[in-house]
Amino acid sequence: MLVKGKVAVIFGGSGAIGSAVAHTMAREGAHVVIGGRNQEKLERVASEIRAAGGKAETFTIDVLDEQSTLEKTDHLARQVGDFDVVINTTGFMHVQGKGIAELSLAEFRQGIDPFLTAHFNIAKAVSPHMGGERAGAIITVVAPASTMAIPGHLGHVVGCAGTEAFIKALASELAPRNIRVICVRSHAIDGAVQAGSYTGEVFAPKAQAMGLTVEQWVGGAAQSTMLKRLPTLSQVAELMTFLASDHAGAMTATVVNMTAGTTTH
């Protein structure tokens, strides 16, 4: 088992990606603790994991509230002990598809502020409870826009670039404490919309503008990749579980490309 005996805390654990990662890590032996804003959704995921023989707990948290995130994470650490793995799969509604002429400053910042706030608050809250003799890993997921010039995606592009820069800078700070920090850059994920991902709402205006359904738009995105297919939820979850394991113990301050060839650096 890849992460047997590890405590894995998953922020955004009731979402499409977070729940897939939680199931996979539990299957691979981790004690998973899933956090988010909706207790009912969290408990549904945890119940499924327990029914499959895994170990899962839940906690509610608003990662955009710095003080609350610090306090709740500290309380969680007192309950479950130090963390081996922290996964950030939080996501926030933002505008895609508007050019600068019609984009407001508030809409521009929707693609930046909540994402970077969540990264900062989570990292600040969990890092005191990780590392030392017990090696730690913080892993997040980001869309591929940071290296792309895409019209109508100003806030999204800047937010993705900020995430990747933050991950590398954070890794340099936490490496002396034996904490690795890794970012998984994924394209749109096959099956995520069907699993309830908020990205369905993000993609809808772009799909409608082209006279397509969201499913048709996602299919077109697949055809734009080198491999003519998108990463699946299962592949993302399996990769993040591997990166959390000791097999990836020499990896930090890096962005792992899972875009099916859409980006190459």
Protein backbone atom coordinates (compact mmCIF):
# COMPACT_ATOMS: atom_id res chain seq x y z
CA MET A 1 0.00 0.00 0.00
CA LEU A 2 1.46 3.32 -1.12
CA VAL A 3 0.46 5.48 1.87
CA LYS A 4 -0.20 2.89 4.56
CA GLY A 5 -0.40 4.40 8.03
CA LYS A 6 -0.17 8.01 6.81
CA VAL A 7 -2.58 10.72 7.97
CA ALA A 8 -3.85 12.48 4.85
CA VAL A 9 -5.83 15.72 5.26
CA ILE A 10 -7.77 16.67 2.14
CA PHE A 11 -9.11 20.21 1.83
CA GLY A 12 -11.98 20.31 -0.64
CA GLY A 13 -12.55 16.66 0.17
CA SER A 14 -16.19 16.52 -0.87
CA GLY A 15 -15.54 17.84 -4.39
CA ALA A 16 -15.01 15.77 -7.51
CA ILE A 17 -11.20 15.65 -7.28
CA GLY A 18 -10.96 15.67 -3.50
CA SER A 19 -13.35 12.76 -3.04
CA ALA A 20 -11.58 10.73 -5.72
CA VAL A 21 -8.24 11.33 -3.99
CA ALA A 22 -9.77 10.46 -0.61
CA HIS A 23 -11.08 7.12 -1.92
CA THR A 24 -7.74 6.26 -3.52
CA MET A 25 -5.63 7.18 -0.52
CA ALA A 26 -7.93 5.28 1.82
CA ARG A 27 -7.64 2.23 -0.44
CA GLU A 28 -3.84 2.62 -0.26
CA GLY A 29 -3.89 2.54 3.54
CA ALA A 30 -4.11 6.20 4.60
CA HIS A 31 -6.24 7.53 7.42
CA VAL A 32 -8.05 10.21 5.45
CA VAL A 33 -9.53 13.33 7.00
CA ILE A 34 -11.66 15.30 4.56
CA GLY A 35 -12.55 18.94 5.03
CA GLY A 36 -14.87 21.40 3.34
CA ARG A 37 -17.85 23.67 3.90
CA ASN A 38 -20.71 21.19 3.56
CA GLN A 39 -20.86 18.56 6.30
CA GLU A 40 -23.56 16.54 4.54
CA LYS A 41 -21.42 16.13 1.42
CA LEU A 42 -18.33 15.36 3.49
CA GLU A 43 -20.11 12.67 5.48
CA ARG A 44 -21.42 11.07 2.30
CA VAL A 45 -17.85 10.65 1.01
CA ALA A 46 -16.59 9.44 4.38
CA SER A 47 -19.41 6.89 4.64
CA GLU A 48 -18.53 5.49 1.21
CA ILE A 49 -14.89 5.14 2.25
CA ARG A 50 -15.80 3.39 5.50
CA ALA A 51 -18.18 1.06 3.65
CA ALA A 52 -15.25 0.05 1.43
CA GLY A 53 -13.14 -0.75 4.50
CA GLY A 54 -11.20 2.50 4.71
CA LYS A 55 -10.67 4.91 7.57
CA ALA A 56 -12.17 8.38 7.17
CA GLU A 57 -13.12 11.38 9.29
CA THR A 58 -14.54 14.79 8.41
CA PHE A 59 -14.23 18.42 9.50
CA THR A 60 -15.88 21.61 8.29
CA ILE A 61 -13.74 24.59 7.38
CA ASP A 62 -13.75 27.81 5.37
CA VAL A 63 -10.23 28.11 3.97
CA LEU A 64 -10.78 31.76 3.03
CA ASP A 65 -10.95 32.69 6.73
CA GLU A 66 -7.35 32.83 7.97
CA GLN A 67 -7.97 32.78 11.71
CA SER A 68 -10.64 30.12 11.55
CA THR A 69 -8.44 27.93 9.35
CA LEU A 70 -5.57 28.22 11.83
CA GLU A 71 -7.78 27.38 14.79
CA LYS A 72 -9.66 24.51 13.18
CA THR A 73 -6.49 22.95 11.79
CA ASP A 74 -4.81 23.16 15.19
CA HIS A 75 -7.85 21.48 16.76
CA LEU A 76 -7.76 18.79 14.09
CA ALA A 77 -4.08 18.08 14.77
CA ARG A 78 -4.85 17.60 18.45
CA GLN A 79 -7.47 15.04 17.47
CA VAL A 80 -5.63 12.98 14.83
CA GLY A 81 -1.98 13.80 15.46
CA ASP A 82 0.53 15.31 13.04
CA PHE A 83 -0.18 15.20 9.30
CA ASP A 84 1.85 13.25 6.77
CA VAL A 85 0.03 14.43 3.67
CA VAL A 86 -2.01 17.54 2.91
CA ILE A 87 -3.99 17.76 -0.32
CA ASN A 88 -5.49 21.03 -1.55
CA THR A 89 -8.28 20.46 -4.08
CA THR A 90 -10.31 23.55 -3.19
CA GLY A 91 -11.88 25.46 -6.06
CA PHE A 92 -13.83 28.69 -6.48
CA MET A 93 -16.22 30.08 -9.04
CA HIS A 94 -14.59 32.57 -11.38
CA VAL A 95 -15.13 34.14 -14.76
CA GLN A 96 -13.71 32.66 -17.96
CA GLY A 97 -14.46 33.86 -21.47
CA LYS A 98 -14.69 37.65 -20.99
CA GLY A 99 -12.20 40.04 -22.60
CA ILE A 100 -10.73 42.96 -20.70
CA ALA A 101 -13.21 45.44 -22.23
CA GLU A 102 -16.13 43.70 -20.54
CA LEU A 103 -14.31 42.29 -17.53
CA SER A 104 -14.63 44.13 -14.22
CA LEU A 105 -11.78 44.32 -11.71
CA ALA A 106 -13.82 42.21 -9.30
CA GLU A 107 -14.29 39.53 -11.95
CA PHE A 108 -10.59 39.61 -12.80
CA ARG A 109 -9.71 39.04 -9.16
CA GLN A 110 -12.14 36.12 -8.85
CA GLY A 111 -9.57 34.01 -10.67
CA ILE A 112 -6.75 35.06 -8.36
CA ASP A 113 -7.67 36.09 -4.83
CA PRO A 114 -9.61 33.09 -3.47
CA PHE A 115 -7.20 30.55 -4.93
CA LEU A 116 -4.04 32.18 -3.55
CA THR A 117 -5.76 32.96 -0.25
CA ALA A 118 -6.64 29.29 0.15
CA HIS A 119 -3.09 28.19 -0.67
CA PHE A 120 -1.65 30.62 1.87
CA ASN A 121 -4.12 29.87 4.66
CA ILE A 122 -3.85 26.11 4.27
CA ALA A 123 -0.04 26.12 4.13
CA LYS A 124 0.25 28.41 7.14
CA ALA A 125 -2.18 26.29 9.14
CA VAL A 126 -0.82 22.81 8.36
CA SER A 127 2.95 23.35 8.25
CA PRO A 128 3.40 23.52 12.07
CA HIS A 129 1.88 20.04 12.25
CA MET A 130 4.11 18.41 9.64
CA GLY A 131 7.69 17.47 8.96
CA GLY A 132 10.68 16.75 11.15
CA GLU A 133 11.38 13.04 11.46
CA ARG A 134 7.94 12.42 9.99
CA ALA A 135 8.35 13.52 6.36
CA GLY A 136 5.47 15.57 4.99
CA ALA A 137 4.02 16.38 1.58
CA ILE A 138 1.71 19.20 0.52
CA ILE A 139 0.14 18.62 -2.90
CA THR A 140 -2.22 20.80 -4.87
CA VAL A 141 -3.82 20.75 -8.30
CA VAL A 142 -3.93 23.60 -10.82
CA ALA A 143 -5.34 24.17 -14.31
CA PRO A 144 -2.84 24.44 -17.22
CA ALA A 145 -3.35 28.13 -18.01
CA SER A 146 -0.12 29.45 -16.45
CA THR A 147 1.96 28.76 -19.56
CA MET A 148 -0.77 29.58 -22.08
CA ALA A 149 -1.84 32.85 -23.70
CA ILE A 150 -5.63 32.49 -23.83
CA PRO A 151 -7.91 35.40 -24.72
CA GLY A 152 -10.74 35.94 -22.25
CA HIS A 153 -8.93 34.28 -19.34
CA LEU A 154 -6.96 37.10 -17.71
CA GLY A 155 -7.74 36.34 -14.08
CA HIS A 156 -7.57 32.59 -14.60
CA VAL A 157 -4.15 32.71 -16.28
CA VAL A 158 -2.69 34.98 -13.60
CA GLY A 159 -4.20 32.88 -10.81
CA CYS A 160 -2.73 29.65 -12.20
CA ALA A 161 0.69 31.26 -12.63
CA GLY A 162 0.50 32.56 -9.07
CA THR A 163 -0.33 29.11 -7.77
CA GLU A 164 2.67 27.52 -9.46
CA ALA A 165 4.98 30.29 -8.24
CA PHE A 166 3.62 30.00 -4.70
CA ILE A 167 4.20 26.24 -4.63
CA LYS A 168 7.86 26.61 -5.60
CA ALA A 169 8.51 29.43 -3.14
CA LEU A 170 6.77 27.52 -0.35
CA ALA A 171 8.83 24.42 -1.10
CA SER A 172 12.03 26.39 -0.56
CA GLU A 173 10.82 27.48 2.88
CA LEU A 174 9.57 24.09 4.03
CA ALA A 175 12.32 21.84 2.65
CA PRO A 176 14.56 22.31 5.74
CA ARG A 177 11.65 20.99 7.80
CA ASN A 178 11.38 17.83 5.67
CA ILE A 179 8.16 18.91 3.95
CA ARG A 180 7.82 18.49 0.20
CA VAL A 181 5.53 20.74 -1.88
CA ILE A 182 4.27 19.66 -5.30
CA CYS A 183 1.74 20.96 -7.81
CA VAL A 184 -0.14 18.77 -10.29
CA ARG A 185 -1.02 20.68 -13.46
CA SER A 186 -4.03 18.98 -14.99
CA HIS A 187 -6.13 19.75 -18.03
CA ALA A 188 -9.93 19.63 -17.74
CA ILE A 189 -10.63 16.26 -16.14
CA ASP A 190 -12.73 13.61 -17.82
CA GLY A 191 -15.61 12.72 -15.52
CA ALA A 192 -15.24 15.68 -13.17
CA VAL A 193 -18.33 17.55 -14.38
CA GLN A 194 -20.42 14.40 -14.12
CA ALA A 195 -19.09 13.94 -10.57
CA GLY A 196 -20.41 17.38 -9.62
CA SER A 197 -17.37 19.60 -10.14
CA TYR A 198 -18.00 23.33 -10.06
CA THR A 199 -16.08 23.54 -13.33
CA GLY A 200 -19.31 22.64 -15.10
CA GLU A 201 -20.58 26.10 -14.18
CA VAL A 202 -17.27 27.70 -15.20
CA PHE A 203 -17.30 26.02 -18.62
CA ALA A 204 -21.01 26.61 -19.32
CA PRO A 205 -20.77 30.21 -20.68
CA LYS A 206 -17.94 29.27 -23.03
CA ALA A 207 -19.82 26.21 -24.25
CA GLN A 208 -23.03 28.19 -24.77
CA ALA A 209 -21.18 30.87 -26.74
CA MET A 210 -20.09 28.14 -29.15
CA GLY A 211 -23.54 26.57 -29.29
CA LEU A 212 -22.34 23.49 -27.43
CA THR A 213 -23.25 21.59 -24.29
CA VAL A 214 -20.64 21.45 -21.55
CA GLU A 215 -20.04 17.80 -22.40
CA GLN A 216 -19.44 18.69 -26.07
CA TRP A 217 -17.10 21.51 -25.07
CA VAL A 218 -15.08 19.17 -22.84
CA GLY A 219 -14.93 16.69 -25.73
CA GLY A 220 -13.48 19.43 -27.91
CA ALA A 221 -10.87 20.16 -25.23
CA ALA A 222 -9.83 16.52 -25.41
CA GLN A 223 -9.27 16.78 -29.16
CA SER A 224 -6.97 19.77 -28.63
CA THR A 225 -4.46 17.69 -26.66
CA MET A 226 -1.56 15.72 -28.12
CA LEU A 227 -3.06 12.46 -26.91
CA LYS A 228 -6.61 13.39 -27.99
CA ARG A 229 -7.89 12.56 -24.53
CA LEU A 230 -8.13 14.18 -21.10
CA PRO A 231 -6.82 12.92 -17.78
CA THR A 232 -9.46 11.03 -15.83
CA LEU A 233 -10.46 11.50 -12.20
CA SER A 234 -8.95 8.14 -11.41
CA GLN A 235 -5.62 9.04 -13.04
CA VAL A 236 -5.42 12.32 -11.11
CA ALA A 237 -6.19 10.56 -7.83
CA GLU A 238 -3.69 7.77 -8.47
CA LEU A 239 -0.96 10.26 -9.39
CA MET A 240 -1.53 12.40 -6.31
CA THR A 241 -1.43 9.28 -4.13
CA PHE A 242 1.88 8.26 -5.69
CA LEU A 243 3.30 11.76 -5.16
CA ALA A 244 2.28 11.55 -1.50
CA SER A 245 4.11 8.25 -1.08
CA ASP A 246 7.72 7.62 -0.13
CA HIS A 247 8.39 6.56 -3.74
CA ALA A 248 8.25 10.27 -4.65
CA GLY A 249 10.33 11.30 -1.67
CA ALA A 250 12.92 13.18 -3.75
CA MET A 251 10.33 15.36 -5.52
CA THR A 252 9.60 18.89 -4.38
CA ALA A 253 9.28 22.44 -5.77
CA THR A 254 7.99 21.04 -9.03
CA VAL A 255 4.94 21.10 -11.27
CA VAL A 256 3.94 17.67 -12.55
CA ASN A 257 2.45 17.99 -16.04
CA MET A 258 -0.77 16.02 -16.53
CA THR A 259 -2.21 17.90 -19.50
CA ALA A 260 -2.03 15.15 -22.14
CA GLY A 261 0.55 17.26 -23.94
CA THR A 262 -1.37 20.54 -23.96
CA THR A 263 1.55 22.20 -22.20
CA THR A 264 5.14 20.99 -22.43
CA HIS A 265 6.99 23.11 -19.85
